[in-house]
C-alpha cells in the first residue's frame, strides 16, 4: 500500500487488474520515493514469501513475520517523512 502511495503521489498507478502490480509498485520505490535499492530487494523478497504463503497455505516463519513488521514500520516512517517533504498537502 505504501508503494502504491508513492506511485499515486507522483501521478502514476499500477493496473490492479493485471498480475504483478504489487511487484511493480515495490520495484519503483527508488524512483518514486528514493528508497535504497537494497531495501527494495528485501521488500520484494518478503512480497514473494507472502505470495507463496497466500497461494500454497504454508505457514510463515516467525522470523519472517518479525522482519515484515520491522520493514513495514521503517517504510511507513520513510513514507511519512517523504510526504511531508515532497507532498505535504497529502498529509
N, C-alpha and C. Protein backbone atom coordinates (compact mmCIF):
# COMPACT_ATOMS: atom_id res chain seq x y z
N UNK A 1 0.83 -1.20 0.00
CA UNK A 1 0.00 0.00 0.00
C UNK A 1 0.87 1.26 0.00
N UNK A 2 1.96 1.24 0.75
CA UNK A 2 2.83 2.41 0.79
C UNK A 2 3.54 2.61 -0.55
N UNK A 3 3.89 1.53 -1.20
CA UNK A 3 4.50 1.64 -2.53
C UNK A 3 3.49 2.24 -3.52
N UNK A 4 2.24 1.84 -3.41
CA UNK A 4 1.19 2.42 -4.26
C UNK A 4 1.04 3.90 -3.97
N UNK A 5 1.14 4.27 -2.71
CA UNK A 5 1.05 5.68 -2.34
C UNK A 5 2.13 6.49 -3.03
N UNK A 6 3.35 5.96 -3.06
CA UNK A 6 4.44 6.64 -3.75
C UNK A 6 4.14 6.85 -5.23
N UNK A 7 3.62 5.82 -5.86
CA UNK A 7 3.23 5.96 -7.27
C UNK A 7 2.13 6.99 -7.43
N UNK A 8 1.08 6.87 -6.63
CA UNK A 8 -0.07 7.77 -6.75
C UNK A 8 0.31 9.22 -6.50
N UNK A 9 1.14 9.46 -5.49
CA UNK A 9 1.56 10.83 -5.17
C UNK A 9 2.33 11.45 -6.33
N UNK A 10 2.97 10.62 -7.14
CA UNK A 10 3.71 11.10 -8.30
C UNK A 10 2.88 11.07 -9.58
N UNK A 11 1.61 10.77 -9.46
CA UNK A 11 0.72 10.80 -10.62
C UNK A 11 0.64 9.52 -11.41
N UNK A 12 1.07 8.41 -10.82
CA UNK A 12 1.04 7.12 -11.51
C UNK A 12 0.22 6.11 -10.72
N UNK A 13 -0.11 5.02 -11.39
CA UNK A 13 -0.75 3.91 -10.70
C UNK A 13 -0.48 2.63 -11.48
N UNK A 14 -0.57 1.51 -10.76
CA UNK A 14 -0.44 0.23 -11.44
C UNK A 14 -1.82 -0.25 -11.85
N UNK A 15 -1.85 -1.13 -12.80
CA UNK A 15 -3.11 -1.74 -13.20
C UNK A 15 -3.37 -2.93 -12.29
N UNK A 16 -4.27 -2.78 -11.36
CA UNK A 16 -4.53 -3.85 -10.40
C UNK A 16 -5.24 -5.04 -11.05
N UNK A 17 -5.73 -4.85 -12.26
CA UNK A 17 -6.37 -5.96 -12.96
C UNK A 17 -5.34 -6.88 -13.62
N UNK A 18 -4.09 -6.47 -13.62
CA UNK A 18 -3.03 -7.26 -14.23
C UNK A 18 -2.14 -7.89 -13.15
N UNK A 19 -1.70 -9.13 -13.37
CA UNK A 19 -0.77 -9.74 -12.41
C UNK A 19 0.53 -8.95 -12.32
N UNK A 20 1.11 -8.94 -11.15
CA UNK A 20 2.41 -8.30 -10.97
C UNK A 20 2.35 -6.86 -10.49
N UNK A 21 1.16 -6.35 -10.18
CA UNK A 21 1.09 -4.94 -9.79
C UNK A 21 1.77 -4.66 -8.45
N UNK A 22 1.75 -5.62 -7.52
CA UNK A 22 2.46 -5.41 -6.26
C UNK A 22 3.97 -5.35 -6.50
N UNK A 23 4.45 -6.24 -7.31
CA UNK A 23 5.88 -6.27 -7.65
C UNK A 23 6.29 -4.95 -8.31
N UNK A 24 5.50 -4.49 -9.25
CA UNK A 24 5.81 -3.25 -9.95
C UNK A 24 5.86 -2.08 -8.97
N UNK A 25 4.89 -1.98 -8.09
CA UNK A 25 4.84 -0.88 -7.13
C UNK A 25 6.08 -0.89 -6.24
N UNK A 26 6.45 -2.06 -5.75
CA UNK A 26 7.62 -2.16 -4.87
C UNK A 26 8.90 -1.82 -5.63
N UNK A 27 9.02 -2.31 -6.83
CA UNK A 27 10.25 -2.10 -7.59
C UNK A 27 10.43 -0.66 -8.06
N UNK A 28 9.38 0.15 -8.03
CA UNK A 28 9.51 1.55 -8.41
C UNK A 28 9.88 2.46 -7.23
N UNK A 29 9.95 1.91 -6.03
CA UNK A 29 10.23 2.73 -4.85
C UNK A 29 11.50 3.59 -4.95
N UNK A 30 12.59 3.12 -5.56
CA UNK A 30 13.75 4.02 -5.69
C UNK A 30 13.43 5.27 -6.52
N UNK A 31 12.58 5.13 -7.50
CA UNK A 31 12.21 6.26 -8.35
C UNK A 31 11.11 7.13 -7.74
N UNK A 32 10.16 6.50 -7.10
CA UNK A 32 9.02 7.27 -6.58
C UNK A 32 9.31 7.94 -5.24
N UNK A 33 10.04 7.25 -4.35
CA UNK A 33 10.26 7.81 -3.01
C UNK A 33 11.72 7.79 -2.58
N UNK A 34 12.63 7.44 -3.48
CA UNK A 34 14.04 7.46 -3.15
C UNK A 34 14.49 6.38 -2.18
N UNK A 35 13.78 5.26 -2.16
CA UNK A 35 14.15 4.14 -1.29
C UNK A 35 15.40 3.46 -1.85
N UNK A 36 16.31 3.09 -0.98
CA UNK A 36 17.54 2.42 -1.39
C UNK A 36 17.22 1.08 -2.06
N UNK A 37 17.86 0.77 -3.18
CA UNK A 37 17.60 -0.50 -3.87
C UNK A 37 17.81 -1.74 -3.00
N UNK A 38 18.73 -1.69 -2.06
CA UNK A 38 18.92 -2.86 -1.19
C UNK A 38 17.68 -3.10 -0.32
N UNK A 39 17.02 -2.04 0.10
CA UNK A 39 15.77 -2.17 0.86
C UNK A 39 14.67 -2.73 -0.03
N UNK A 40 14.65 -2.31 -1.27
CA UNK A 40 13.65 -2.81 -2.22
C UNK A 40 13.81 -4.32 -2.42
N UNK A 41 15.05 -4.79 -2.46
CA UNK A 41 15.27 -6.24 -2.61
C UNK A 41 14.70 -7.00 -1.40
N UNK A 42 14.86 -6.44 -0.22
CA UNK A 42 14.29 -7.08 0.98
C UNK A 42 12.77 -7.07 0.91
N UNK A 43 12.19 -5.93 0.57
CA UNK A 43 10.73 -5.83 0.47
C UNK A 43 10.18 -6.78 -0.58
N UNK A 44 10.90 -6.90 -1.69
CA UNK A 44 10.43 -7.79 -2.75
C UNK A 44 10.53 -9.25 -2.32
N UNK A 45 11.57 -9.60 -1.58
CA UNK A 45 11.69 -10.97 -1.07
C UNK A 45 10.54 -11.28 -0.09
N UNK A 46 10.19 -10.31 0.73
CA UNK A 46 9.07 -10.51 1.65
C UNK A 46 7.75 -10.62 0.89
N UNK A 47 7.61 -9.85 -0.19
CA UNK A 47 6.42 -9.94 -1.03
C UNK A 47 6.30 -11.34 -1.63
N UNK A 48 7.43 -11.87 -2.11
CA UNK A 48 7.43 -13.22 -2.68
C UNK A 48 7.03 -14.26 -1.63
N UNK A 49 7.53 -14.10 -0.42
CA UNK A 49 7.17 -15.01 0.67
C UNK A 49 5.67 -14.95 0.95
N UNK A 50 5.13 -13.75 0.97
CA UNK A 50 3.69 -13.57 1.18
C UNK A 50 2.90 -14.28 0.09
N UNK A 51 3.33 -14.11 -1.16
CA UNK A 51 2.63 -14.76 -2.27
C UNK A 51 2.65 -16.27 -2.13
N UNK A 52 3.81 -16.83 -1.80
CA UNK A 52 3.90 -18.28 -1.62
C UNK A 52 2.94 -18.76 -0.55
N UNK A 53 2.90 -18.04 0.53
CA UNK A 53 2.04 -18.42 1.65
C UNK A 53 0.57 -18.29 1.27
N UNK A 54 0.24 -17.21 0.61
CA UNK A 54 -1.16 -16.97 0.27
C UNK A 54 -1.70 -18.03 -0.67
N UNK A 55 -0.88 -18.46 -1.61
CA UNK A 55 -1.36 -19.41 -2.61
C UNK A 55 -1.11 -20.87 -2.26
N UNK A 56 -0.16 -21.15 -1.37
CA UNK A 56 0.12 -22.53 -1.02
C UNK A 56 -0.46 -22.92 0.33
N UNK A 57 -0.73 -21.93 1.17
CA UNK A 57 -1.24 -22.21 2.50
C UNK A 57 -0.16 -22.56 3.51
N UNK A 58 1.10 -22.51 3.09
CA UNK A 58 2.20 -22.78 4.01
C UNK A 58 2.27 -21.71 5.08
N UNK A 59 2.76 -22.10 6.24
CA UNK A 59 2.92 -21.15 7.33
C UNK A 59 4.17 -20.31 7.11
N UNK A 60 4.14 -19.10 7.64
CA UNK A 60 5.29 -18.19 7.57
C UNK A 60 6.07 -18.31 8.87
N UNK A 61 7.37 -18.39 8.78
CA UNK A 61 8.22 -18.48 9.96
C UNK A 61 8.09 -17.19 10.78
N UNK A 62 8.17 -17.33 12.09
CA UNK A 62 8.08 -16.17 12.99
C UNK A 62 9.11 -15.11 12.63
N UNK A 63 10.30 -15.53 12.23
CA UNK A 63 11.36 -14.58 11.87
C UNK A 63 10.95 -13.74 10.66
N UNK A 64 10.25 -14.36 9.72
CA UNK A 64 9.81 -13.63 8.52
C UNK A 64 8.71 -12.64 8.90
N UNK A 65 7.82 -13.04 9.78
CA UNK A 65 6.77 -12.14 10.24
C UNK A 65 7.39 -10.94 10.95
N UNK A 66 8.35 -11.20 11.81
CA UNK A 66 9.02 -10.12 12.54
C UNK A 66 9.72 -9.17 11.56
N UNK A 67 10.44 -9.72 10.60
CA UNK A 67 11.13 -8.89 9.59
C UNK A 67 10.13 -8.08 8.79
N UNK A 68 9.00 -8.67 8.44
CA UNK A 68 7.97 -7.96 7.69
C UNK A 68 7.43 -6.77 8.46
N UNK A 69 7.18 -6.97 9.73
CA UNK A 69 6.66 -5.89 10.58
C UNK A 69 7.69 -4.77 10.70
N UNK A 70 8.94 -5.13 10.92
CA UNK A 70 10.01 -4.12 11.05
C UNK A 70 10.18 -3.34 9.75
N UNK A 71 10.17 -4.04 8.63
CA UNK A 71 10.29 -3.36 7.34
C UNK A 71 9.09 -2.44 7.08
N UNK A 72 7.91 -2.89 7.47
CA UNK A 72 6.71 -2.06 7.28
C UNK A 72 6.79 -0.79 8.13
N UNK A 73 7.24 -0.92 9.37
CA UNK A 73 7.39 0.26 10.23
C UNK A 73 8.40 1.24 9.65
N UNK A 74 9.51 0.71 9.17
CA UNK A 74 10.55 1.56 8.59
C UNK A 74 10.04 2.26 7.33
N UNK A 75 9.35 1.51 6.48
CA UNK A 75 8.81 2.10 5.25
C UNK A 75 7.75 3.14 5.57
N UNK A 76 6.93 2.91 6.58
CA UNK A 76 5.91 3.88 6.97
C UNK A 76 6.56 5.18 7.43
N UNK A 77 7.58 5.08 8.26
CA UNK A 77 8.28 6.28 8.73
C UNK A 77 8.90 7.04 7.55
N UNK A 78 9.54 6.30 6.64
CA UNK A 78 10.15 6.92 5.46
C UNK A 78 9.08 7.62 4.63
N UNK A 79 7.95 6.94 4.44
CA UNK A 79 6.87 7.49 3.61
C UNK A 79 6.31 8.77 4.23
N UNK A 80 6.11 8.77 5.54
CA UNK A 80 5.59 9.97 6.21
C UNK A 80 6.55 11.14 6.03
N UNK A 81 7.85 10.89 6.19
CA UNK A 81 8.85 11.95 6.03
C UNK A 81 8.90 12.42 4.58
N UNK A 82 8.84 11.48 3.65
CA UNK A 82 8.87 11.80 2.23
C UNK A 82 7.66 12.64 1.84
N UNK A 83 6.48 12.24 2.33
CA UNK A 83 5.28 13.02 2.05
C UNK A 83 5.37 14.43 2.61
N UNK A 84 5.84 14.55 3.85
CA UNK A 84 5.99 15.87 4.47
C UNK A 84 6.89 16.77 3.65
N UNK A 85 7.94 16.21 3.08
CA UNK A 85 8.91 16.98 2.33
C UNK A 85 8.43 17.30 0.90
N UNK A 86 7.81 16.32 0.25
CA UNK A 86 7.51 16.46 -1.17
C UNK A 86 6.03 16.67 -1.51
N UNK A 87 5.15 16.22 -0.65
CA UNK A 87 3.71 16.30 -0.92
C UNK A 87 2.95 16.58 0.36
N UNK A 88 3.30 17.64 1.07
CA UNK A 88 2.72 17.90 2.39
C UNK A 88 1.20 18.07 2.34
N UNK A 89 0.68 18.46 1.19
CA UNK A 89 -0.78 18.61 1.06
C UNK A 89 -1.52 17.28 1.14
N UNK A 90 -0.82 16.18 1.02
CA UNK A 90 -1.47 14.87 1.09
C UNK A 90 -1.55 14.35 2.52
N UNK A 91 -0.88 15.03 3.45
CA UNK A 91 -0.91 14.56 4.85
C UNK A 91 -2.17 15.01 5.56
